[in-house]
């Protein structure tokens, strides 16, 4: 039985692979598919937490979303405390 998080990550991978082909890539670009990965990857990691709580995944799997969200928080915090946008770092 596949966890709901695995289905979410597989969907993200399938959409990513479909974007490599010109015809489906143009259609998916019109449907804003490049931005779907933001939602589906974050949702996948949230579902990992839900699957650990439900008991379908082992407790060590909880480390994956903790590491992922900690790195996001650390990166966004570093950029906001610096007071600069990433593109302004190299100017001047």
N, C-alpha and C. Protein backbone atom coordinates (compact mmCIF):
# COMPACT_ATOMS: atom_id res chain seq x y z
N UNK A 1 0.84 -1.19 0.00
CA UNK A 1 0.00 0.00 0.00
C UNK A 1 0.88 1.24 0.00
N UNK A 2 0.62 2.15 -0.92
CA UNK A 2 1.40 3.37 -1.03
C UNK A 2 0.85 4.44 -0.10
N UNK A 3 1.76 5.18 0.52
CA UNK A 3 1.31 6.26 1.38
C UNK A 3 0.83 7.43 0.52
N UNK A 4 0.06 8.29 1.14
CA UNK A 4 -0.44 9.46 0.40
C UNK A 4 0.70 10.41 0.04
N UNK A 5 1.74 10.45 0.87
CA UNK A 5 2.89 11.29 0.55
C UNK A 5 3.60 10.78 -0.69
N UNK A 6 3.74 9.47 -0.81
CA UNK A 6 4.40 8.89 -1.98
C UNK A 6 3.62 9.21 -3.25
N UNK A 7 2.30 9.16 -3.17
CA UNK A 7 1.48 9.50 -4.33
C UNK A 7 1.68 10.96 -4.74
N UNK A 8 1.81 11.83 -3.76
CA UNK A 8 2.02 13.25 -4.03
C UNK A 8 3.38 13.47 -4.70
N UNK A 9 4.42 12.80 -4.20
CA UNK A 9 5.75 12.94 -4.79
C UNK A 9 5.80 12.32 -6.19
N UNK A 10 5.10 11.21 -6.40
CA UNK A 10 5.05 10.59 -7.73
C UNK A 10 4.32 11.50 -8.72
N UNK A 11 3.26 12.14 -8.28
CA UNK A 11 2.55 13.09 -9.14
C UNK A 11 3.47 14.24 -9.54
N UNK A 12 4.24 14.75 -8.58
CA UNK A 12 5.18 15.83 -8.87
C UNK A 12 6.22 15.39 -9.89
N UNK A 13 6.74 14.17 -9.72
CA UNK A 13 7.74 13.65 -10.66
C UNK A 13 7.14 13.47 -12.05
N UNK A 14 5.90 12.98 -12.12
CA UNK A 14 5.25 12.77 -13.41
C UNK A 14 5.03 14.10 -14.14
N UNK A 15 4.58 15.11 -13.41
CA UNK A 15 4.37 16.44 -14.02
C UNK A 15 5.70 17.01 -14.48
N UNK A 16 6.74 16.83 -13.68
CA UNK A 16 8.07 17.32 -14.07
C UNK A 16 8.55 16.64 -15.35
N UNK A 17 8.36 15.33 -15.44
CA UNK A 17 8.80 14.60 -16.64
C UNK A 17 7.97 14.98 -17.86
N UNK A 18 6.69 15.21 -17.68
CA UNK A 18 5.85 15.62 -18.80
C UNK A 18 6.24 16.99 -19.34
N UNK A 19 6.83 17.82 -18.51
CA UNK A 19 7.25 19.15 -18.95
C UNK A 19 8.47 19.08 -19.87
N UNK A 20 9.15 17.96 -19.91
CA UNK A 20 10.33 17.82 -20.76
C UNK A 20 9.98 17.67 -22.23
N UNK A 21 8.75 17.27 -22.53
CA UNK A 21 8.31 17.09 -23.91
C UNK A 21 7.65 18.38 -24.40
N UNK A 22 7.94 18.80 -25.62
CA UNK A 22 7.46 20.11 -26.09
C UNK A 22 5.94 20.27 -26.05
N UNK A 23 5.19 19.31 -26.56
CA UNK A 23 3.74 19.48 -26.63
C UNK A 23 3.10 19.53 -25.25
N UNK A 24 3.39 18.54 -24.43
CA UNK A 24 2.81 18.54 -23.08
C UNK A 24 3.43 19.65 -22.23
N UNK A 25 4.69 19.99 -22.49
CA UNK A 25 5.33 21.06 -21.74
C UNK A 25 4.65 22.40 -21.96
N UNK A 26 4.27 22.69 -23.21
CA UNK A 26 3.57 23.96 -23.49
C UNK A 26 2.20 23.98 -22.84
N UNK A 27 1.50 22.86 -22.91
CA UNK A 27 0.17 22.79 -22.29
C UNK A 27 0.27 22.97 -20.78
N UNK A 28 1.24 22.29 -20.18
CA UNK A 28 1.39 22.41 -18.73
C UNK A 28 1.87 23.80 -18.33
N UNK A 29 2.63 24.45 -19.18
CA UNK A 29 3.08 25.81 -18.88
C UNK A 29 1.88 26.76 -18.86
N UNK A 30 0.95 26.55 -19.78
CA UNK A 30 -0.27 27.37 -19.80
C UNK A 30 -1.07 27.17 -18.52
N UNK A 31 -1.03 25.95 -18.00
CA UNK A 31 -1.76 25.62 -16.77
C UNK A 31 -0.95 25.90 -15.50
N UNK A 32 0.19 26.58 -15.65
CA UNK A 32 1.05 27.00 -14.53
C UNK A 32 1.63 25.81 -13.77
N UNK A 33 1.92 24.74 -14.46
CA UNK A 33 2.46 23.54 -13.82
C UNK A 33 3.81 23.76 -13.12
N UNK A 34 4.68 24.66 -13.59
CA UNK A 34 5.93 24.86 -12.84
C UNK A 34 5.70 25.30 -11.39
N UNK A 35 4.57 25.94 -11.12
CA UNK A 35 4.28 26.38 -9.75
C UNK A 35 3.60 25.29 -8.93
N UNK A 36 3.09 24.25 -9.58
CA UNK A 36 2.45 23.15 -8.86
C UNK A 36 3.42 22.46 -7.93
N UNK A 37 4.69 22.39 -8.34
CA UNK A 37 5.66 21.66 -7.53
C UNK A 37 5.82 22.29 -6.16
N UNK A 38 5.65 23.58 -6.05
CA UNK A 38 5.73 24.24 -4.74
C UNK A 38 4.65 23.68 -3.82
N UNK A 39 3.46 23.56 -4.35
CA UNK A 39 2.34 23.05 -3.55
C UNK A 39 2.48 21.56 -3.30
N UNK A 40 2.79 20.79 -4.34
CA UNK A 40 2.80 19.33 -4.18
C UNK A 40 3.97 18.83 -3.34
N UNK A 41 5.13 19.48 -3.42
CA UNK A 41 6.25 19.04 -2.59
C UNK A 41 5.99 19.38 -1.12
N UNK A 42 5.52 20.59 -0.86
CA UNK A 42 5.19 20.94 0.53
C UNK A 42 4.07 20.06 1.07
N UNK A 43 3.06 19.80 0.25
CA UNK A 43 1.97 18.92 0.65
C UNK A 43 2.50 17.50 0.91
N UNK A 44 3.42 17.05 0.08
CA UNK A 44 4.00 15.72 0.28
C UNK A 44 4.69 15.59 1.62
N UNK A 45 5.45 16.61 2.01
CA UNK A 45 6.13 16.55 3.30
C UNK A 45 5.15 16.68 4.46
N UNK A 46 4.09 17.44 4.29
CA UNK A 46 3.05 17.49 5.33
C UNK A 46 2.36 16.14 5.45
N UNK A 47 2.15 15.46 4.32
CA UNK A 47 1.53 14.14 4.35
C UNK A 47 2.46 13.09 4.95
N UNK A 48 3.77 13.29 4.85
CA UNK A 48 4.71 12.39 5.53
C UNK A 48 4.47 12.47 7.04
N UNK A 49 4.30 13.68 7.54
CA UNK A 49 4.01 13.86 8.97
C UNK A 49 2.70 13.16 9.33
N UNK A 50 1.68 13.34 8.49
CA UNK A 50 0.38 12.70 8.76
C UNK A 50 0.50 11.18 8.71
N UNK A 51 1.31 10.64 7.78
CA UNK A 51 1.48 9.19 7.69
C UNK A 51 2.24 8.64 8.88
N UNK A 52 3.20 9.40 9.41
CA UNK A 52 3.91 8.96 10.62
C UNK A 52 2.95 8.93 11.80
N UNK A 53 2.12 9.95 11.91
CA UNK A 53 1.14 10.00 13.00
C UNK A 53 0.14 8.85 12.87
N UNK A 54 -0.26 8.54 11.63
CA UNK A 54 -1.22 7.46 11.40
C UNK A 54 -0.58 6.08 11.55
N UNK A 55 0.73 6.02 11.52
CA UNK A 55 1.41 4.75 11.70
C UNK A 55 1.73 4.01 10.42
N UNK A 56 1.52 4.61 9.27
CA UNK A 56 1.83 3.93 8.00
C UNK A 56 3.29 4.08 7.61
N UNK A 57 3.99 5.04 8.21
CA UNK A 57 5.42 5.21 7.98
C UNK A 57 6.14 5.10 9.32
N UNK A 58 7.40 4.63 9.30
CA UNK A 58 8.15 4.55 10.57
C UNK A 58 8.48 5.94 11.11
N UNK A 59 8.80 6.01 12.40
CA UNK A 59 9.05 7.29 13.05
C UNK A 59 10.27 8.01 12.48
N UNK A 60 11.27 7.27 11.98
CA UNK A 60 12.46 7.92 11.43
C UNK A 60 12.13 8.76 10.21
N UNK A 61 11.01 8.46 9.54
CA UNK A 61 10.61 9.23 8.35
C UNK A 61 10.23 10.66 8.72
N UNK A 62 9.98 10.91 9.99
CA UNK A 62 9.66 12.25 10.44
C UNK A 62 10.86 13.19 10.28
N UNK A 63 12.05 12.64 10.19
CA UNK A 63 13.24 13.47 10.00
C UNK A 63 13.24 14.15 8.64
N UNK A 64 12.64 13.55 7.63
CA UNK A 64 12.64 14.13 6.29
C UNK A 64 11.93 15.49 6.24
N UNK A 65 10.68 15.59 6.70
CA UNK A 65 10.04 16.91 6.66
C UNK A 65 10.68 17.91 7.63
N UNK A 66 11.21 17.41 8.75
CA UNK A 66 11.86 18.33 9.69
C UNK A 66 13.08 18.97 9.02
N UNK A 67 13.90 18.16 8.36
CA UNK A 67 15.08 18.69 7.68
C UNK A 67 14.66 19.63 6.54
N UNK A 68 13.67 19.21 5.77
CA UNK A 68 13.23 20.03 4.63
C UNK A 68 12.71 21.38 5.10
N UNK A 69 11.79 21.40 6.07
CA UNK A 69 11.20 22.67 6.50
C UNK A 69 12.21 23.50 7.29
N UNK A 70 13.12 22.86 8.02
CA UNK A 70 14.14 23.60 8.74
C UNK A 70 15.06 24.34 7.76
N UNK A 71 15.43 23.68 6.68
CA UNK A 71 16.28 24.34 5.68
C UNK A 71 15.54 25.49 5.00
N UNK A 72 14.24 25.31 4.71
CA UNK A 72 13.47 26.42 4.14
C UNK A 72 13.40 27.60 5.10
N UNK A 73 13.15 27.31 6.36
CA UNK A 73 13.05 28.36 7.37
C UNK A 73 14.40 29.06 7.55
N UNK A 74 15.46 28.29 7.58
CA UNK A 74 16.79 28.86 7.75
C UNK A 74 17.17 29.74 6.57
N UNK A 75 16.89 29.29 5.36
CA UNK A 75 17.22 30.07 4.17
C UNK A 75 16.40 31.35 4.11
N UNK A 76 15.09 31.24 4.33
CA UNK A 76 14.25 32.44 4.24
C UNK A 76 14.56 33.41 5.37
N UNK A 77 14.88 32.90 6.54
CA UNK A 77 15.25 33.77 7.64
C UNK A 77 16.55 34.48 7.40
N UNK A 78 17.51 33.79 6.81
CA UNK A 78 18.80 34.40 6.53
C UNK A 78 18.65 35.55 5.53
N UNK A 79 17.81 35.36 4.53
CA UNK A 79 17.62 36.40 3.52
C UNK A 79 16.81 37.57 4.08
N UNK A 80 15.84 37.33 4.95
CA UNK A 80 15.02 38.42 5.46
C UNK A 80 15.77 39.23 6.51
N UNK A 81 16.61 38.58 7.32
CA UNK A 81 17.37 39.33 8.32
C UNK A 81 18.47 40.16 7.68
N UNK A 82 18.94 39.71 6.54
CA UNK A 82 19.97 40.45 5.83
C UNK A 82 19.39 41.74 5.25
N UNK A 83 18.09 41.73 5.02
CA UNK A 83 17.44 42.91 4.49
C UNK A 83 17.64 43.11 3.00
N UNK A 84 18.16 42.10 2.33
CA UNK A 84 18.36 42.21 0.89
C UNK A 84 17.69 41.06 0.19
N UNK A 85 17.37 41.29 -1.02
CA UNK A 85 16.85 40.22 -1.85
C UNK A 85 18.03 39.47 -2.44
N UNK A 86 17.87 38.19 -2.78
CA UNK A 86 19.00 37.43 -3.31
C UNK A 86 19.68 38.06 -4.51
N UNK A 87 18.93 38.77 -5.36
CA UNK A 87 19.53 39.37 -6.55
C UNK A 87 20.32 40.63 -6.22
N UNK A 88 20.15 41.20 -5.04
CA UNK A 88 20.86 42.41 -4.68
C UNK A 88 22.17 42.14 -3.95
N UNK A 89 22.47 40.88 -3.64
CA UNK A 89 23.67 40.56 -2.89
C UNK A 89 24.94 40.94 -3.64
N UNK A 90 24.95 40.76 -4.94
CA UNK A 90 26.16 40.93 -5.72
C UNK A 90 26.32 42.33 -6.32
N UNK A 91 25.39 43.21 -6.02
CA UNK A 91 25.46 44.55 -6.56
C UNK A 91 26.23 45.44 -5.58
N UNK A 92 27.14 46.18 -6.10
CA UNK A 92 27.80 47.20 -5.34
C UNK A 92 28.88 46.76 -4.46
